Amino acid sequence: MKSYLNFESLYSNISNEQIRNTQIISYALGSGMTLFFGVTLFYYYLEYIPDPNILEETHNLFYLKYLSILAFISLLVMSYIQPLKVLSNELDAVKNDNITEKDYDKFVGIHRSYLIVRLALLEGAGLFGLVIFFMSILNYTIYSFPIYWICTIPAIVMILYVIILFPTKTKVSNFILENMI
C-alpha cells in the first residue's frame, strides 16, 4: 500500500462525477422512505377515528409491532457489521494491490457498495415498520394503542442515516482513509 495517499490527495483526485451515482442512490433510498412515511402520516390524519372504547388490539399486529422492533435492532446491528464483511474480499484485493493514485475509482466503488448495503439493510427494517404502522391505521388500532408509533422509529433512523451519511468528497475521502488505507 502506498503511504503517500493522504486526505489532500484523495480529496483533490476524487471528482464530483465519481460520487454522483452514490449521491443519487442515497437520495433515492431516502426520498422513497420519506414519501412512504409521509403517505402513512397523511392517511393517519385523514382517517375517520371510530370510538376508541370499542376497538381491540389485533393479535397479529400485537406480535408484528414487536417483530418490527426486533427486526430493526438486528438490521441496525447488521448494518454496521455486514457491509465490511461483504466487502472484505474487495478491500483485501485493493489493499494487496500496488495502489497508485490512478485507482480512485476502485476506492469510490467500494464506498458505494458499502453505503448501498448499509442503507438497504436499514431500508428493509424501515419499510417493515411503516407497513405495520400502516396496517394499524387501517385496523384503527393506532387510535386506541399509540404504542404502534414505535414502528416508525426504523424509518426515522433510516432517513437520518441518509442525511448523515450522504456522500460528499470529504466523507468519501475520510471513509477511504479510515477503512481502506
Protein backbone atom coordinates (compact mmCIF):
# COMPACT_ATOMS: atom_id res chain seq x y z
CA MET A 1 0.00 0.00 0.00
CA LYS A 2 1.36 3.35 -0.94
CA SER A 3 1.68 5.53 2.12
CA TYR A 4 1.66 8.78 0.15
CA LEU A 5 -2.12 8.68 -0.24
CA ASN A 6 -3.39 11.24 2.22
CA PHE A 7 -6.57 13.22 2.64
CA GLU A 8 -5.47 16.10 0.42
CA SER A 9 -4.50 13.85 -2.49
CA LEU A 10 -7.68 11.80 -2.17
CA TYR A 11 -9.86 14.89 -1.92
CA SER A 12 -8.27 16.56 -4.92
CA ASN A 13 -8.34 13.43 -7.11
CA ILE A 14 -11.89 12.29 -6.37
CA SER A 15 -14.23 14.13 -8.68
CA ASN A 16 -17.85 15.00 -8.10
CA GLU A 17 -18.76 12.82 -11.08
CA GLN A 18 -17.26 9.78 -9.34
CA ILE A 19 -19.55 10.15 -6.33
CA ARG A 20 -22.64 11.41 -8.18
CA ASN A 21 -24.07 7.86 -8.62
CA THR A 22 -23.70 7.22 -4.91
CA GLN A 23 -25.44 10.51 -4.15
CA ILE A 24 -28.31 9.64 -6.49
CA ILE A 25 -28.75 6.20 -4.89
CA SER A 26 -28.67 7.68 -1.37
CA TYR A 27 -31.16 10.35 -2.36
CA ALA A 28 -33.48 7.79 -3.97
CA LEU A 29 -33.45 5.50 -0.92
CA GLY A 30 -34.02 8.39 1.46
CA SER A 31 -36.72 10.08 -0.59
CA GLY A 32 -38.60 6.81 -1.10
CA MET A 33 -38.69 6.18 2.63
CA THR A 34 -39.67 9.79 3.32
CA LEU A 35 -42.51 9.67 0.79
CA PHE A 36 -43.92 6.43 2.17
CA PHE A 37 -43.66 7.82 5.70
CA GLY A 38 -45.45 10.97 4.54
CA VAL A 39 -48.24 8.94 2.92
CA THR A 40 -48.81 6.94 6.10
CA LEU A 41 -48.90 10.10 8.21
CA PHE A 42 -51.26 11.73 5.73
CA TYR A 43 -53.54 8.71 5.88
CA TYR A 44 -53.35 8.71 9.69
CA TYR A 45 -54.54 12.31 9.92
CA LEU A 46 -57.28 11.88 7.29
CA GLU A 47 -58.65 8.62 8.63
CA TYR A 48 -62.00 8.53 10.39
CA ILE A 49 -61.49 7.79 14.07
CA PRO A 50 -64.13 5.42 15.47
CA ASP A 51 -64.95 5.23 19.15
CA PRO A 52 -61.69 4.10 20.79
CA ASN A 53 -63.57 2.22 23.51
CA ILE A 54 -64.87 -0.40 21.10
CA LEU A 55 -61.52 -1.16 19.50
CA GLU A 56 -59.42 -4.13 20.45
CA GLU A 57 -55.85 -4.83 19.53
CA THR A 58 -55.49 -7.44 16.82
CA HIS A 59 -53.25 -10.32 17.86
CA ASN A 60 -51.42 -10.32 14.54
CA LEU A 61 -50.50 -6.66 14.90
CA PHE A 62 -49.62 -7.14 18.56
CA TYR A 63 -46.86 -9.57 17.64
CA LEU A 64 -45.84 -7.74 14.48
CA LYS A 65 -45.06 -4.50 16.30
CA TYR A 66 -42.53 -6.32 18.48
CA LEU A 67 -41.21 -8.21 15.48
CA SER A 68 -40.73 -4.85 13.77
CA ILE A 69 -38.59 -3.55 16.63
CA LEU A 70 -36.63 -6.81 16.79
CA ALA A 71 -36.01 -6.66 13.03
CA PHE A 72 -34.93 -3.03 13.35
CA ILE A 73 -32.43 -3.75 16.11
CA SER A 74 -30.97 -6.77 14.34
CA LEU A 75 -30.72 -4.98 10.99
CA LEU A 76 -29.22 -1.91 12.67
CA VAL A 77 -26.50 -4.10 14.17
CA MET A 78 -26.02 -5.88 10.85
CA SER A 79 -25.75 -2.54 9.04
CA TYR A 80 -22.56 -1.93 10.99
CA ILE A 81 -21.13 -5.44 10.71
CA GLN A 82 -22.30 -6.86 7.38
CA PRO A 83 -21.17 -4.21 4.85
CA LEU A 84 -17.49 -4.54 5.73
CA LYS A 85 -17.76 -8.34 5.82
CA VAL A 86 -19.41 -8.41 2.41
CA LEU A 87 -16.78 -6.10 1.03
CA SER A 88 -13.81 -7.68 2.78
CA ASN A 89 -12.73 -9.51 -0.40
CA GLU A 90 -12.77 -6.28 -2.36
CA LEU A 91 -10.93 -4.48 0.43
CA ASP A 92 -8.29 -7.22 0.59
CA ALA A 93 -7.82 -7.12 -3.17
CA VAL A 94 -7.35 -3.36 -3.10
CA LYS A 95 -5.04 -3.47 -0.09
CA ASN A 96 -2.88 -6.18 -1.64
CA ASP A 97 -2.54 -4.43 -4.98
CA ASN A 98 0.18 -1.93 -5.64
CA ILE A 99 -2.14 1.06 -5.34
CA THR A 100 -1.31 4.12 -7.33
CA GLU A 101 -3.09 7.42 -7.46
CA LYS A 102 -4.98 6.26 -10.57
CA ASP A 103 -7.05 3.75 -8.57
CA TYR A 104 -9.54 6.19 -7.09
CA ASP A 105 -12.42 4.62 -9.00
CA LYS A 106 -11.84 1.39 -7.06
CA PHE A 107 -12.00 3.28 -3.77
CA VAL A 108 -15.17 5.13 -4.72
CA GLY A 109 -16.76 1.90 -5.98
CA ILE A 110 -16.07 0.12 -2.71
CA HIS A 111 -17.51 3.05 -0.77
CA ARG A 112 -20.61 2.98 -2.99
CA SER A 113 -21.10 -0.75 -2.38
CA TYR A 114 -20.62 -0.28 1.35
CA LEU A 115 -23.18 2.51 1.52
CA ILE A 116 -25.73 0.64 -0.62
CA VAL A 117 -25.54 -2.48 1.55
CA ARG A 118 -25.81 -0.44 4.74
CA LEU A 119 -28.75 1.66 3.59
CA ALA A 120 -30.55 -1.35 2.08
CA LEU A 121 -30.48 -3.15 5.42
CA LEU A 122 -31.87 -0.09 7.17
CA GLU A 123 -34.47 0.41 4.46
CA GLY A 124 -35.78 -3.12 4.95
CA ALA A 125 -36.37 -2.51 8.64
CA GLY A 126 -37.87 0.91 7.96
CA LEU A 127 -40.34 -0.34 5.36
CA PHE A 128 -41.35 -3.27 7.57
CA GLY A 129 -42.07 -0.88 10.44
CA LEU A 130 -44.03 1.51 8.22
CA VAL A 131 -46.13 -1.32 6.80
CA ILE A 132 -47.07 -2.41 10.33
CA PHE A 133 -47.80 1.21 11.24
CA PHE A 134 -50.00 1.49 8.12
CA MET A 135 -51.80 -1.75 8.99
CA SER A 136 -52.52 -0.39 12.46
CA ILE A 137 -54.07 2.69 10.84
CA LEU A 138 -56.21 0.54 8.55
CA ASN A 139 -57.42 -1.51 11.53
CA TYR A 140 -57.96 1.64 13.63
CA THR A 141 -55.71 0.06 16.26
CA ILE A 142 -53.34 3.02 16.35
CA TYR A 143 -56.04 5.27 17.81
CA SER A 144 -56.51 3.07 20.88
CA PHE A 145 -52.97 1.75 21.18
CA PRO A 146 -50.47 4.52 20.38
CA ILE A 147 -47.60 2.11 21.04
CA TYR A 148 -47.72 1.42 17.29
CA TRP A 149 -45.95 4.74 16.75
CA ILE A 150 -42.82 2.87 17.83
CA CYS A 151 -42.92 1.12 14.44
CA THR A 152 -41.97 4.43 12.80
CA ILE A 153 -38.59 4.56 14.57
CA PRO A 154 -36.76 2.42 11.95
CA ALA A 155 -37.95 4.71 9.15
CA ILE A 156 -36.90 7.82 11.05
CA VAL A 157 -33.47 6.32 11.77
CA MET A 158 -33.05 5.35 8.11
CA ILE A 159 -33.93 8.86 6.95
CA LEU A 160 -31.47 10.33 9.46
CA TYR A 161 -28.78 7.90 8.26
CA VAL A 162 -29.29 9.04 4.69
CA ILE A 163 -28.92 12.65 5.79
CA ILE A 164 -25.85 11.94 7.94
CA LEU A 165 -24.14 9.51 5.53
CA PHE A 166 -24.96 11.44 2.34
CA PRO A 167 -21.77 11.10 0.30
CA THR A 168 -19.59 14.13 -0.24
CA LYS A 169 -15.99 14.30 -1.33
CA THR A 170 -14.94 14.85 2.29
CA LYS A 171 -16.91 11.88 3.63
CA VAL A 172 -15.73 9.56 0.85
CA SER A 173 -12.11 10.61 1.37
CA ASN A 174 -12.40 10.06 5.13
CA PHE A 175 -14.01 6.65 4.60
CA ILE A 176 -11.20 5.60 2.25
CA LEU A 177 -8.52 6.72 4.69
CA GLU A 178 -10.17 5.08 7.72
CA ASN A 179 -11.18 1.76 6.13
CA MET A 180 -9.04 1.05 3.11
CA ILE A 181 -5.61 2.55 3.56
